[in-house]
Amino acid sequence: MYKGTDTRGVGLQPKRDARDYNAIFFIAFMIIGSQFILNLFVGIVIDNFNKIKDKELGNIFLTES
């Protein structure tokens, strides 16, 4: 992120904090990316749970009571 905020353009030397608004992109990317990975993980867990539940063994996750 720090190197991204230091960029000024093609063929130009970096300057410290030349484009502070680039930090918004990196922060948004990290938040959206982490939510995407979390949603994939939860979806896989729920899908596997439903596959196990629908097998011919019946509903093995419920007790008699």
PDB file of N, CA and C in Angstrom:
ATOM      1  N   MET A   1       0.818  -1.176   0.000  1.00  0.00           N
ATOM      2  CA  MET A   1       0.000   0.000   0.000  1.00  0.00           C
ATOM      3  C   MET A   1       0.870   1.252   0.000  1.00  0.00           C
ATOM      4  N   TYR A   2       1.945   1.203   0.750  1.00  0.00           N
ATOM      5  CA  TYR A   2       2.813   2.388   0.822  1.00  0.00           C
ATOM      6  C   TYR A   2       3.462   2.693  -0.522  1.00  0.00           C
ATOM      7  N   LYS A   3       3.870   1.634  -1.220  1.00  0.00           N
ATOM      8  CA  LYS A   3       4.467   1.854  -2.541  1.00  0.00           C
ATOM      9  C   LYS A   3       3.421   2.340  -3.542  1.00  0.00           C
ATOM     10  N   GLY A   4       2.179   1.904  -3.376  1.00  0.00           N
ATOM     11  CA  GLY A   4       1.114   2.358  -4.251  1.00  0.00           C
ATOM     12  C   GLY A   4       0.782   3.829  -4.045  1.00  0.00           C
ATOM     13  N   THR A   5       0.909   4.310  -2.819  1.00  0.00           N
ATOM     14  CA  THR A   5       0.635   5.730  -2.559  1.00  0.00           C
ATOM     15  C   THR A   5       1.801   6.616  -2.967  1.00  0.00           C
ATOM     16  N   ASP A   6       2.962   6.024  -3.167  1.00  0.00           N
ATOM     17  CA  ASP A   6       4.136   6.809  -3.557  1.00  0.00           C
ATOM     18  C   ASP A   6       4.267   6.986  -5.071  1.00  0.00           C
ATOM     19  N   THR A   7       3.464   6.314  -5.869  1.00  0.00           N
ATOM     20  CA  THR A   7       3.606   6.406  -7.323  1.00  0.00           C
ATOM     21  C   THR A   7       3.116   7.753  -7.840  1.00  0.00           C
ATOM     22  N   ARG A   8       3.771   8.205  -8.911  1.00  0.00           N
ATOM     23  CA  ARG A   8       3.369   9.476  -9.524  1.00  0.00           C
ATOM     24  C   ARG A   8       2.998   9.321 -10.989  1.00  0.00           C
ATOM     25  N   GLY A   9       3.487   8.314 -11.649  1.00  0.00           N
ATOM     26  CA  GLY A   9       3.176   8.116 -13.050  1.00  0.00           C
ATOM     27  C   GLY A   9       4.256   7.314 -13.729  1.00  0.00           C
ATOM     28  N   VAL A  10       4.052   7.016 -15.009  1.00  0.00           N
ATOM     29  CA  VAL A  10       5.005   6.227 -15.780  1.00  0.00           C
ATOM     30  C   VAL A  10       6.250   7.072 -16.045  1.00  0.00           C
ATOM     31  N   GLY A  11       7.404   6.518 -15.730  1.00  0.00           N
ATOM     32  CA  GLY A  11       8.666   7.188 -15.988  1.00  0.00           C
ATOM     33  C   GLY A  11       9.045   8.222 -14.948  1.00  0.00           C
ATOM     34  N   LEU A  12       8.265   8.376 -13.885  1.00  0.00           N
ATOM     35  CA  LEU A  12       8.571   9.342 -12.831  1.00  0.00           C
ATOM     36  C   LEU A  12       9.028   8.629 -11.571  1.00  0.00           C
ATOM     37  N   GLN A  13       9.905   9.266 -10.836  1.00  0.00           N
ATOM     38  CA  GLN A  13      10.385   8.707  -9.590  1.00  0.00           C
ATOM     39  C   GLN A  13       9.289   8.788  -8.531  1.00  0.00           C
ATOM     40  N   PRO A  14       9.251   7.825  -7.619  1.00  0.00           N
ATOM     41  CA  PRO A  14       8.242   7.887  -6.561  1.00  0.00           C
ATOM     42  C   PRO A  14       8.505   9.043  -5.601  1.00  0.00           C
ATOM     43  N   LYS A  15       7.434   9.596  -5.078  1.00  0.00           N
ATOM     44  CA  LYS A  15       7.521  10.660  -4.095  1.00  0.00           C
ATOM     45  C   LYS A  15       6.631  10.248  -2.923  1.00  0.00           C
ATOM     46  N   ARG A  16       7.132  10.432  -1.728  1.00  0.00           N
ATOM     47  CA  ARG A  16       6.413   9.967  -0.547  1.00  0.00           C
ATOM     48  C   ARG A  16       5.026  10.611  -0.460  1.00  0.00           C
ATOM     49  N   ASP A  17       4.010   9.755  -0.319  1.00  0.00           N
ATOM     50  CA  ASP A  17       2.606  10.161  -0.183  1.00  0.00           C
ATOM     51  C   ASP A  17       2.139  11.077  -1.308  1.00  0.00           C
ATOM     52  N   ALA A  18       2.509  10.746  -2.535  1.00  0.00           N
ATOM     53  CA  ALA A  18       2.112  11.568  -3.676  1.00  0.00           C
ATOM     54  C   ALA A  18       0.627  11.415  -3.976  1.00  0.00           C
ATOM     55  N   ARG A  19       0.096  10.215  -3.788  1.00  0.00           N
ATOM     56  CA  ARG A  19      -1.326   9.959  -4.053  1.00  0.00           C
ATOM     57  C   ARG A  19      -1.931   9.230  -2.860  1.00  0.00           C
ATOM     58  N   ASP A  20      -2.378   9.980  -1.887  1.00  0.00           N
ATOM     59  CA  ASP A  20      -2.952   9.383  -0.682  1.00  0.00           C
ATOM     60  C   ASP A  20      -4.260   8.664  -0.962  1.00  0.00           C
ATOM     61  N   TYR A  21      -4.989   9.093  -1.984  1.00  0.00           N
ATOM     62  CA  TYR A  21      -6.276   8.473  -2.282  1.00  0.00           C
ATOM     63  C   TYR A  21      -6.123   7.052  -2.796  1.00  0.00           C
ATOM     64  N   ASN A  22      -4.935   6.634  -3.199  1.00  0.00           N
ATOM     65  CA  ASN A  22      -4.717   5.235  -3.601  1.00  0.00           C
ATOM     66  C   ASN A  22      -4.876   4.284  -2.420  1.00  0.00           C
ATOM     67  N   ALA A  23      -4.688   4.794  -1.216  1.00  0.00           N
ATOM     68  CA  ALA A  23      -4.836   3.954  -0.028  1.00  0.00           C
ATOM     69  C   ALA A  23      -6.269   3.471   0.117  1.00  0.00           C
ATOM     70  N   ILE A  24      -7.234   4.253  -0.344  1.00  0.00           N
ATOM     71  CA  ILE A  24      -8.640   3.855  -0.274  1.00  0.00           C
ATOM     72  C   ILE A  24      -8.869   2.579  -1.076  1.00  0.00           C
ATOM     73  N   PHE A  25      -8.229   2.480  -2.243  1.00  0.00           N
ATOM     74  CA  PHE A  25      -8.356   1.265  -3.065  1.00  0.00           C
ATOM     75  C   PHE A  25      -7.834   0.046  -2.307  1.00  0.00           C
ATOM     76  N   PHE A  26      -6.668   0.171  -1.680  1.00  0.00           N
ATOM     77  CA  PHE A  26      -6.081  -0.973  -0.985  1.00  0.00           C
ATOM     78  C   PHE A  26      -6.918  -1.389   0.221  1.00  0.00           C
ATOM     79  N   ILE A  27      -7.450  -0.438   0.945  1.00  0.00           N
ATOM     80  CA  ILE A  27      -8.284  -0.761   2.101  1.00  0.00           C
ATOM     81  C   ILE A  27      -9.584  -1.425   1.649  1.00  0.00           C
ATOM     82  N   ALA A  28     -10.215  -0.877   0.614  1.00  0.00           N
ATOM     83  CA  ALA A  28     -11.450  -1.469   0.101  1.00  0.00           C
ATOM     84  C   ALA A  28     -11.189  -2.868  -0.455  1.00  0.00           C
ATOM     85  N   PHE A  29     -10.067  -3.056  -1.132  1.00  0.00           N
ATOM     86  CA  PHE A  29      -9.717  -4.366  -1.684  1.00  0.00           C
ATOM     87  C   PHE A  29      -9.567  -5.396  -0.575  1.00  0.00           C
ATOM     88  N   MET A  30      -8.941  -5.019   0.528  1.00  0.00           N
ATOM     89  CA  MET A  30      -8.749  -5.953   1.638  1.00  0.00           C
ATOM     90  C   MET A  30     -10.079  -6.294   2.307  1.00  0.00           C
ATOM     91  N   ILE A  31     -10.958  -5.326   2.474  1.00  0.00           N
ATOM     92  CA  ILE A  31     -12.250  -5.591   3.115  1.00  0.00           C
ATOM     93  C   ILE A  31     -13.122  -6.463   2.228  1.00  0.00           C
ATOM     94  N   ILE A  32     -13.242  -6.099   0.958  1.00  0.00           N
ATOM     95  CA  ILE A  32     -14.080  -6.875   0.035  1.00  0.00           C
ATOM     96  C   ILE A  32     -13.491  -8.262  -0.185  1.00  0.00           C
ATOM     97  N   GLY A  33     -12.174  -8.347  -0.309  1.00  0.00           N
ATOM     98  CA  GLY A  33     -11.527  -9.647  -0.505  1.00  0.00           C
ATOM     99  C   GLY A  33     -11.715 -10.574   0.679  1.00  0.00           C
ATOM    100  N   SER A  34     -11.608 -10.049   1.889  1.00  0.00           N
ATOM    101  CA  SER A  34     -11.787 -10.905   3.069  1.00  0.00           C
ATOM    102  C   SER A  34     -13.236 -11.366   3.183  1.00  0.00           C
ATOM    103  N   GLN A  35     -14.194 -10.517   2.856  1.00  0.00           N
ATOM    104  CA  GLN A  35     -15.592 -10.925   2.889  1.00  0.00           C
ATOM    105  C   GLN A  35     -15.877 -12.000   1.836  1.00  0.00           C
ATOM    106  N   PHE A  36     -15.274 -11.884   0.678  1.00  0.00           N
ATOM    107  CA  PHE A  36     -15.451 -12.877  -0.383  1.00  0.00           C
ATOM    108  C   PHE A  36     -14.924 -14.239   0.052  1.00  0.00           C
ATOM    109  N   ILE A  37     -13.747 -14.271   0.648  1.00  0.00           N
ATOM    110  CA  ILE A  37     -13.156 -15.531   1.113  1.00  0.00           C
ATOM    111  C   ILE A  37     -14.000 -16.122   2.227  1.00  0.00           C
ATOM    112  N   LEU A  38     -14.490 -15.278   3.141  1.00  0.00           N
ATOM    113  CA  LEU A  38     -15.336 -15.765   4.226  1.00  0.00           C
ATOM    114  C   LEU A  38     -16.632 -16.364   3.683  1.00  0.00           C
ATOM    115  N   ASN A  39     -17.229 -15.722   2.689  1.00  0.00           N
ATOM    116  CA  ASN A  39     -18.462 -16.244   2.088  1.00  0.00           C
ATOM    117  C   ASN A  39     -18.213 -17.568   1.380  1.00  0.00           C
ATOM    118  N   LEU A  40     -17.078 -17.719   0.723  1.00  0.00           N
ATOM    119  CA  LEU A  40     -16.752 -19.000   0.093  1.00  0.00           C
ATOM    120  C   LEU A  40     -16.619 -20.107   1.134  1.00  0.00           C
ATOM    121  N   PHE A  41     -15.952 -19.816   2.224  1.00  0.00           N
ATOM    122  CA  PHE A  41     -15.759 -20.806   3.287  1.00  0.00           C
ATOM    123  C   PHE A  41     -17.098 -21.224   3.881  1.00  0.00           C
ATOM    124  N   VAL A  42     -17.950 -20.262   4.207  1.00  0.00           N
ATOM    125  CA  VAL A  42     -19.254 -20.581   4.792  1.00  0.00           C
ATOM    126  C   VAL A  42     -20.105 -21.359   3.796  1.00  0.00           C
ATOM    127  N   GLY A  43     -20.061 -21.005   2.529  1.00  0.00           N
ATOM    128  CA  GLY A  43     -20.823 -21.718   1.522  1.00  0.00           C
ATOM    129  C   GLY A  43     -20.393 -23.166   1.386  1.00  0.00           C
ATOM    130  N   ILE A  44     -19.103 -23.419   1.436  1.00  0.00           N
ATOM    131  CA  ILE A  44     -18.603 -24.788   1.341  1.00  0.00           C
ATOM    132  C   ILE A  44     -19.013 -25.594   2.559  1.00  0.00           C
ATOM    133  N   VAL A  45     -18.940 -24.999   3.732  1.00  0.00           N
ATOM    134  CA  VAL A  45     -19.335 -25.714   4.952  1.00  0.00           C
ATOM    135  C   VAL A  45     -20.823 -26.068   4.902  1.00  0.00           C
ATOM    136  N   ILE A  46     -21.657 -25.121   4.518  1.00  0.00           N
ATOM    137  CA  ILE A  46     -23.099 -25.382   4.449  1.00  0.00           C
ATOM    138  C   ILE A  46     -23.409 -26.418   3.378  1.00  0.00           C
ATOM    139  N   ASP A  47     -22.737 -26.350   2.240  1.00  0.00           N
ATOM    140  CA  ASP A  47     -22.962 -27.329   1.170  1.00  0.00           C
ATOM    141  C   ASP A  47     -22.589 -28.734   1.631  1.00  0.00           C
ATOM    142  N   ASN A  48     -21.462 -28.874   2.297  1.00  0.00           N
ATOM    143  CA  ASN A  48     -21.060 -30.194   2.801  1.00  0.00           C
ATOM    144  C   ASN A  48     -22.017 -30.690   3.876  1.00  0.00           C
ATOM    145  N   PHE A  49     -22.493 -29.790   4.720  1.00  0.00           N
ATOM    146  CA  PHE A  49     -23.469 -30.170   5.734  1.00  0.00           C
ATOM    147  C   PHE A  49     -24.736 -30.712   5.084  1.00  0.00           C
ATOM    148  N   ASN A  50     -25.217 -30.047   4.052  1.00  0.00           N
ATOM    149  CA  ASN A  50     -26.430 -30.502   3.369  1.00  0.00           C
ATOM    150  C   ASN A  50     -26.212 -31.816   2.638  1.00  0.00           C
ATOM    151  N   LYS A  51     -25.018 -32.026   2.074  1.00  0.00           N
ATOM    152  CA  LYS A  51     -24.728 -33.304   1.410  1.00  0.00           C
ATOM    153  C   LYS A  51     -24.751 -34.456   2.407  1.00  0.00           C
ATOM    154  N   ILE A  52     -24.156 -34.236   3.569  1.00  0.00           N
ATOM    155  CA  ILE A  52     -24.136 -35.285   4.596  1.00  0.00           C
ATOM    156  C   ILE A  52     -25.549 -35.553   5.092  1.00  0.00           C
ATOM    157  N   LYS A  53     -26.323 -34.512   5.269  1.00  0.00           N
ATOM    158  CA  LYS A  53     -27.686 -34.653   5.781  1.00  0.00           C
ATOM    159  C   LYS A  53     -28.570 -35.415   4.810  1.00  0.00           C
ATOM    160  N   ASP A  54     -28.357 -35.234   3.514  1.00  0.00           N
ATOM    161  CA  ASP A  54     -29.211 -35.866   2.508  1.00  0.00           C
ATOM    162  C   ASP A  54     -28.800 -37.286   2.141  1.00  0.00           C
ATOM    163  N   LYS A  55     -27.726 -37.792   2.711  1.00  0.00           N
ATOM    164  CA  LYS A  55     -27.313 -39.156   2.393  1.00  0.00           C
ATOM    165  C   LYS A  55     -28.351 -40.150   2.892  1.00  0.00           C
ATOM    166  N   GLU A  56     -28.216 -41.385   2.484  1.00  0.00           N
ATOM    167  CA  GLU A  56     -29.193 -42.423   2.810  1.00  0.00           C
ATOM    168  C   GLU A  56     -29.221 -42.776   4.291  1.00  0.00           C
ATOM    169  N   LEU A  57     -28.296 -42.258   5.078  1.00  0.00           N
ATOM    170  CA  LEU A  57     -28.300 -42.555   6.507  1.00  0.00           C
ATOM    171  C   LEU A  57     -29.418 -41.822   7.225  1.00  0.00           C
ATOM    172  N   GLY A  58     -30.018 -40.887   6.612  1.00  0.00           N
ATOM    173  CA  GLY A  58     -31.093 -40.124   7.251  1.00  0.00           C
ATOM    174  C   GLY A  58     -30.497 -38.873   7.898  1.00  0.00           C
ATOM    175  N   ASN A  59     -31.195 -38.399   8.866  1.00  0.00           N
ATOM    176  CA  ASN A  59     -30.781 -37.177   9.537  1.00  0.00           C
ATOM    177  C   ASN A  59     -29.936 -37.538  10.758  1.00  0.00           C
ATOM    178  N   ILE A  60     -28.627 -37.658  10.586  1.00  0.00           N
ATOM    179  CA  ILE A  60     -27.743 -38.118  11.646  1.00  0.00           C
ATOM    180  C   ILE A  60     -27.390 -37.022  12.640  1.00  0.00           C
ATOM    181  N   PHE A  61     -27.777 -35.791  12.373  1.00  0.00           N
ATOM    182  CA  PHE A  61     -27.413 -34.704  13.271  1.00  0.00           C
ATOM    183  C   PHE A  61     -28.457 -34.430  14.342  1.00  0.00           C
ATOM    184  N   LEU A  62     -29.594 -35.118  14.299  1.00  0.00           N
ATOM    185  CA  LEU A  62     -30.630 -34.933  15.300  1.00  0.00           C
ATOM    186  C   LEU A  62     -30.663 -36.140  16.219  1.00  0.00           C
ATOM    187  N   THR A  63     -30.891 -35.878  17.503  1.00  0.00           N
ATOM    188  CA  THR A  63     -31.032 -36.972  18.458  1.00  0.00           C
ATOM    189  C   THR A  63     -32.504 -37.340  18.547  1.00  0.00           C
ATOM    190  N   GLU A  64     -32.784 -38.419  19.282  1.00  0.00           N
ATOM    191  CA  GLU A  64     -34.153 -38.892  19.443  1.00  0.00           C
ATOM    192  C   GLU A  64     -35.031 -37.867  20.152  1.00  0.00           C
ATOM    193  N   SER A  65     -34.476 -37.151  21.113  1.00  0.00           N
ATOM    194  CA  SER A  65     -35.266 -36.173  21.865  1.00  0.00           C
ATOM    195  C   SER A  65     -35.473 -34.922  21.042  1.00  0.00           C
TER     196      SER A  65
END
